[in-house]
Amino acid sequence: MPPQDPTLDELRDTMAANELPVLHWSELFYEYDPQTYAAYVAWTTRARQHIELDPKIREFIAIAIDCVVAWPSPYIDVHLNKAFDAGATVQEIADVIMATGRLMGPHSYTHGFYALEKVLGEREAKGLKTPRRREKLDPVEGDRAQS
């Protein structure tokens, strides 16, 4: 007898145990194709088990991608909040948005800064930590501020 597919609840438990979001469309995906959804959960779980990149850097990458594709709220908001929760400063996130805009075009600035402004307002209203800059910035070679 072939092994039985995991239930939707088992798959949701796997996602939650690995601190992965259970998205609103998961039930529809599972109903459509339980085996493919199970494979998606397994792949997502494994892909999130990063070794070299710390969580803040992973969120910076996600923010840059979100800026380029103009990923709407609440999706970009999740990455901005996770970056702050991982210790990012407003200046670091602004630097990510600026670098993305320089490489990918001004629409990236607009989308990124609009989302950052929204998330900052929400976090500040809730009293959540949103540091503007690190206390002491390490000098960066070629940085205009040093000259």
C-alpha atoms as a PDB file:
ATOM      1  CA  MET A   1       0.000   0.000   0.000  1.00  0.00           C
ATOM      2  CA  PRO A   2       1.502   3.411  -0.996  1.00  0.00           C
ATOM      3  CA  PRO A   3       2.134   5.915   1.788  1.00  0.00           C
ATOM      4  CA  GLN A   4      -0.737   8.278   2.471  1.00  0.00           C
ATOM      5  CA  ASP A   5      -0.303  11.964   1.687  1.00  0.00           C
ATOM      6  CA  PRO A   6       0.125  14.162   4.759  1.00  0.00           C
ATOM      7  CA  THR A   7      -3.014  15.981   5.812  1.00  0.00           C
ATOM      8  CA  LEU A   8      -3.381  19.728   5.399  1.00  0.00           C
ATOM      9  CA  ASP A   9      -3.167  20.132   9.178  1.00  0.00           C
ATOM     10  CA  GLU A  10       0.082  18.125   9.302  1.00  0.00           C
ATOM     11  CA  LEU A  11       1.555  20.295   6.569  1.00  0.00           C
ATOM     12  CA  ARG A  12       0.436  23.472   8.329  1.00  0.00           C
ATOM     13  CA  ASP A  13       2.033  22.172  11.536  1.00  0.00           C
ATOM     14  CA  THR A  14       5.290  21.585   9.623  1.00  0.00           C
ATOM     15  CA  MET A  15       5.197  25.151   8.312  1.00  0.00           C
ATOM     16  CA  ALA A  16       4.449  26.589  11.770  1.00  0.00           C
ATOM     17  CA  ALA A  17       7.182  24.481  13.427  1.00  0.00           C
ATOM     18  CA  ASN A  18       9.681  26.008  11.000  1.00  0.00           C
ATOM     19  CA  GLU A  19       8.349  29.546  11.529  1.00  0.00           C
ATOM     20  CA  LEU A  20       7.003  29.701   7.986  1.00  0.00           C
ATOM     21  CA  PRO A  21       3.820  31.590   7.159  1.00  0.00           C
ATOM     22  CA  VAL A  22       0.773  29.522   6.330  1.00  0.00           C
ATOM     23  CA  LEU A  23      -0.678  31.508   3.470  1.00  0.00           C
ATOM     24  CA  HIS A  24      -4.391  31.953   2.871  1.00  0.00           C
ATOM     25  CA  TRP A  25      -4.280  29.977  -0.373  1.00  0.00           C
ATOM     26  CA  SER A  26      -2.729  26.849   1.172  1.00  0.00           C
ATOM     27  CA  GLU A  27      -6.077  25.080   1.530  1.00  0.00           C
ATOM     28  CA  LEU A  28      -6.940  25.646  -2.131  1.00  0.00           C
ATOM     29  CA  PHE A  29      -3.472  24.499  -3.226  1.00  0.00           C
ATOM     30  CA  TYR A  30      -3.798  21.347  -1.072  1.00  0.00           C
ATOM     31  CA  GLU A  31      -7.299  20.629  -2.376  1.00  0.00           C
ATOM     32  CA  TYR A  32      -6.090  20.983  -5.972  1.00  0.00           C
ATOM     33  CA  ASP A  33      -2.983  18.821  -5.619  1.00  0.00           C
ATOM     34  CA  PRO A  34      -2.019  17.472  -2.168  1.00  0.00           C
ATOM     35  CA  GLN A  35       1.231  15.879  -3.380  1.00  0.00           C
ATOM     36  CA  THR A  36       2.480  19.064  -5.021  1.00  0.00           C
ATOM     37  CA  TYR A  37       1.529  21.092  -1.950  1.00  0.00           C
ATOM     38  CA  ALA A  38       3.433  18.599   0.239  1.00  0.00           C
ATOM     39  CA  ALA A  39       6.444  18.991  -2.076  1.00  0.00           C
ATOM     40  CA  TYR A  40       6.101  22.791  -1.828  1.00  0.00           C
ATOM     41  CA  VAL A  41       6.089  22.587   1.988  1.00  0.00           C
ATOM     42  CA  ALA A  42       9.159  20.312   1.965  1.00  0.00           C
ATOM     43  CA  TRP A  43      11.015  22.589  -0.480  1.00  0.00           C
ATOM     44  CA  THR A  44      10.072  25.784   1.385  1.00  0.00           C
ATOM     45  CA  THR A  45      11.097  24.266   4.700  1.00  0.00           C
ATOM     46  CA  ARG A  46      14.474  23.191   3.321  1.00  0.00           C
ATOM     47  CA  ALA A  47      15.064  26.460   1.448  1.00  0.00           C
ATOM     48  CA  ARG A  48      14.553  28.405   4.679  1.00  0.00           C
ATOM     49  CA  GLN A  49      17.215  26.437   6.532  1.00  0.00           C
ATOM     50  CA  HIS A  50      19.941  28.868   5.519  1.00  0.00           C
ATOM     51  CA  ILE A  51      23.368  28.416   6.962  1.00  0.00           C
ATOM     52  CA  GLU A  52      25.504  31.310   5.718  1.00  0.00           C
ATOM     53  CA  LEU A  53      23.164  34.318   5.490  1.00  0.00           C
ATOM     54  CA  ASP A  54      21.791  35.774   8.681  1.00  0.00           C
ATOM     55  CA  PRO A  55      18.069  36.629   8.820  1.00  0.00           C
ATOM     56  CA  LYS A  56      18.613  40.382   8.414  1.00  0.00           C
ATOM     57  CA  ILE A  57      20.516  39.904   5.152  1.00  0.00           C
ATOM     58  CA  ARG A  58      17.869  37.488   3.821  1.00  0.00           C
ATOM     59  CA  GLU A  59      15.223  40.130   4.541  1.00  0.00           C
ATOM     60  CA  PHE A  60      17.302  42.801   2.776  1.00  0.00           C
ATOM     61  CA  ILE A  61      17.364  40.580  -0.311  1.00  0.00           C
ATOM     62  CA  ALA A  62      13.608  40.053  -0.102  1.00  0.00           C
ATOM     63  CA  ILE A  63      13.028  43.808   0.304  1.00  0.00           C
ATOM     64  CA  ALA A  64      15.135  44.530  -2.785  1.00  0.00           C
ATOM     65  CA  ILE A  65      13.153  42.002  -4.829  1.00  0.00           C
ATOM     66  CA  ASP A  66       9.865  43.363  -3.462  1.00  0.00           C
ATOM     67  CA  CYS A  67      10.903  46.884  -4.531  1.00  0.00           C
ATOM     68  CA  VAL A  68      11.714  45.768  -8.073  1.00  0.00           C
ATOM     69  CA  VAL A  69       8.511  43.821  -8.660  1.00  0.00           C
ATOM     70  CA  ALA A  70       6.432  46.307  -6.641  1.00  0.00           C
ATOM     71  CA  TRP A  71       5.188  43.501  -4.404  1.00  0.00           C
ATOM     72  CA  PRO A  72       2.180  45.016  -2.632  1.00  0.00           C
ATOM     73  CA  SER A  73       1.327  45.407   1.001  1.00  0.00           C
ATOM     74  CA  PRO A  74       1.152  43.264   3.109  1.00  0.00           C
ATOM     75  CA  TYR A  75       3.908  41.199   1.477  1.00  0.00           C
ATOM     76  CA  ILE A  76       6.670  43.805   1.437  1.00  0.00           C
ATOM     77  CA  ASP A  77       5.528  44.871   4.915  1.00  0.00           C
ATOM     78  CA  VAL A  78       6.274  41.382   6.251  1.00  0.00           C
ATOM     79  CA  HIS A  79       9.874  41.618   5.047  1.00  0.00           C
ATOM     80  CA  LEU A  80      10.343  45.147   6.368  1.00  0.00           C
ATOM     81  CA  ASN A  81       9.040  44.101   9.794  1.00  0.00           C
ATOM     82  CA  LYS A  82      11.168  40.958   9.825  1.00  0.00           C
ATOM     83  CA  ALA A  83      14.235  43.044   8.956  1.00  0.00           C
ATOM     84  CA  PHE A  84      13.544  45.389  11.889  1.00  0.00           C
ATOM     85  CA  ASP A  85      12.917  42.408  14.158  1.00  0.00           C
ATOM     86  CA  ALA A  86      16.290  41.007  13.034  1.00  0.00           C
ATOM     87  CA  GLY A  87      18.030  44.244  14.081  1.00  0.00           C
ATOM     88  CA  ALA A  88      17.956  46.363  10.921  1.00  0.00           C
ATOM     89  CA  THR A  89      17.967  50.136  11.121  1.00  0.00           C
ATOM     90  CA  VAL A  90      15.947  52.529   9.004  1.00  0.00           C
ATOM     91  CA  GLN A  91      19.216  53.679   7.404  1.00  0.00           C
ATOM     92  CA  GLU A  92      20.165  50.127   6.409  1.00  0.00           C
ATOM     93  CA  ILE A  93      16.766  49.526   4.823  1.00  0.00           C
ATOM     94  CA  ALA A  94      16.937  52.912   3.087  1.00  0.00           C
ATOM     95  CA  ASP A  95      20.353  51.885   1.731  1.00  0.00           C
ATOM     96  CA  VAL A  96      18.830  48.663   0.359  1.00  0.00           C
ATOM     97  CA  ILE A  97      16.042  50.657  -1.319  1.00  0.00           C
ATOM     98  CA  MET A  98      18.515  53.198  -2.735  1.00  0.00           C
ATOM     99  CA  ALA A  99      20.852  50.508  -4.116  1.00  0.00           C
ATOM    100  CA  THR A 100      17.887  48.731  -5.672  1.00  0.00           C
ATOM    101  CA  GLY A 101      16.639  51.944  -7.240  1.00  0.00           C
ATOM    102  CA  ARG A 102      20.050  52.782  -8.679  1.00  0.00           C
ATOM    103  CA  LEU A 103      20.241  49.360 -10.315  1.00  0.00           C
ATOM    104  CA  MET A 104      16.618  48.753 -11.276  1.00  0.00           C
ATOM    105  CA  GLY A 105      15.014  52.157 -11.754  1.00  0.00           C
ATOM    106  CA  PRO A 106      13.180  54.898  -9.905  1.00  0.00           C
ATOM    107  CA  HIS A 107       9.951  52.925  -9.505  1.00  0.00           C
ATOM    108  CA  SER A 108      11.897  50.839  -6.976  1.00  0.00           C
ATOM    109  CA  TYR A 109      12.570  53.956  -4.864  1.00  0.00           C
ATOM    110  CA  THR A 110       8.944  54.984  -4.932  1.00  0.00           C
ATOM    111  CA  HIS A 111       7.598  51.596  -3.981  1.00  0.00           C
ATOM    112  CA  GLY A 112      10.245  50.904  -1.345  1.00  0.00           C
ATOM    113  CA  PHE A 113      10.059  54.232   0.436  1.00  0.00           C
ATOM    114  CA  TYR A 114       6.253  54.268   0.352  1.00  0.00           C
ATOM    115  CA  ALA A 115       6.198  50.828   2.014  1.00  0.00           C
ATOM    116  CA  LEU A 116       8.924  51.808   4.509  1.00  0.00           C
ATOM    117  CA  GLU A 117       7.030  54.950   5.511  1.00  0.00           C
ATOM    118  CA  LYS A 118       3.852  52.905   6.052  1.00  0.00           C
ATOM    119  CA  VAL A 119       5.607  50.245   8.138  1.00  0.00           C
ATOM    120  CA  LEU A 120       7.466  52.868  10.211  1.00  0.00           C
ATOM    121  CA  GLY A 121       4.181  54.555  11.070  1.00  0.00           C
ATOM    122  CA  GLU A 122       2.597  51.254  12.072  1.00  0.00           C
ATOM    123  CA  ARG A 123       5.589  50.157  14.158  1.00  0.00           C
ATOM    124  CA  GLU A 124       5.913  53.504  15.902  1.00  0.00           C
ATOM    125  CA  ALA A 125       2.176  53.519  16.704  1.00  0.00           C
ATOM    126  CA  LYS A 126       2.640  50.092  18.337  1.00  0.00           C
ATOM    127  CA  GLY A 127       5.784  51.173  20.181  1.00  0.00           C
ATOM    128  CA  LEU A 128       7.961  48.668  18.296  1.00  0.00           C
ATOM    129  CA  LYS A 129      11.690  49.209  17.967  1.00  0.00           C
ATOM    130  CA  THR A 130      12.648  51.022  14.748  1.00  0.00           C
ATOM    131  CA  PRO A 131      16.160  52.406  15.183  1.00  0.00           C
ATOM    132  CA  ARG A 132      17.048  55.104  12.673  1.00  0.00           C
ATOM    133  CA  ARG A 133      20.813  54.471  12.568  1.00  0.00           C
ATOM    134  CA  ARG A 134      23.400  52.378  14.346  1.00  0.00           C
ATOM    135  CA  GLU A 135      24.961  54.262  17.239  1.00  0.00           C
ATOM    136  CA  LYS A 136      28.404  54.203  15.694  1.00  0.00           C
ATOM    137  CA  LEU A 137      28.724  53.636  11.980  1.00  0.00           C
ATOM    138  CA  ASP A 138      31.811  51.816  10.801  1.00  0.00           C
ATOM    139  CA  PRO A 139      33.710  53.820   8.169  1.00  0.00           C
ATOM    140  CA  VAL A 140      33.188  52.605   4.628  1.00  0.00           C
ATOM    141  CA  GLU A 141      35.997  53.061   2.119  1.00  0.00           C
ATOM    142  CA  GLY A 142      35.036  55.774  -0.345  1.00  0.00           C
ATOM    143  CA  ASP A 143      32.153  57.004   1.799  1.00  0.00           C
ATOM    144  CA  ARG A 144      31.462  60.694   1.087  1.00  0.00           C
ATOM    145  CA  ALA A 145      30.725  61.318   4.764  1.00  0.00           C
ATOM    146  CA  GLN A 146      34.381  60.701   5.651  1.00  0.00           C
ATOM    147  CA  SER A 147      35.777  63.358   3.361  1.00  0.00           C
END
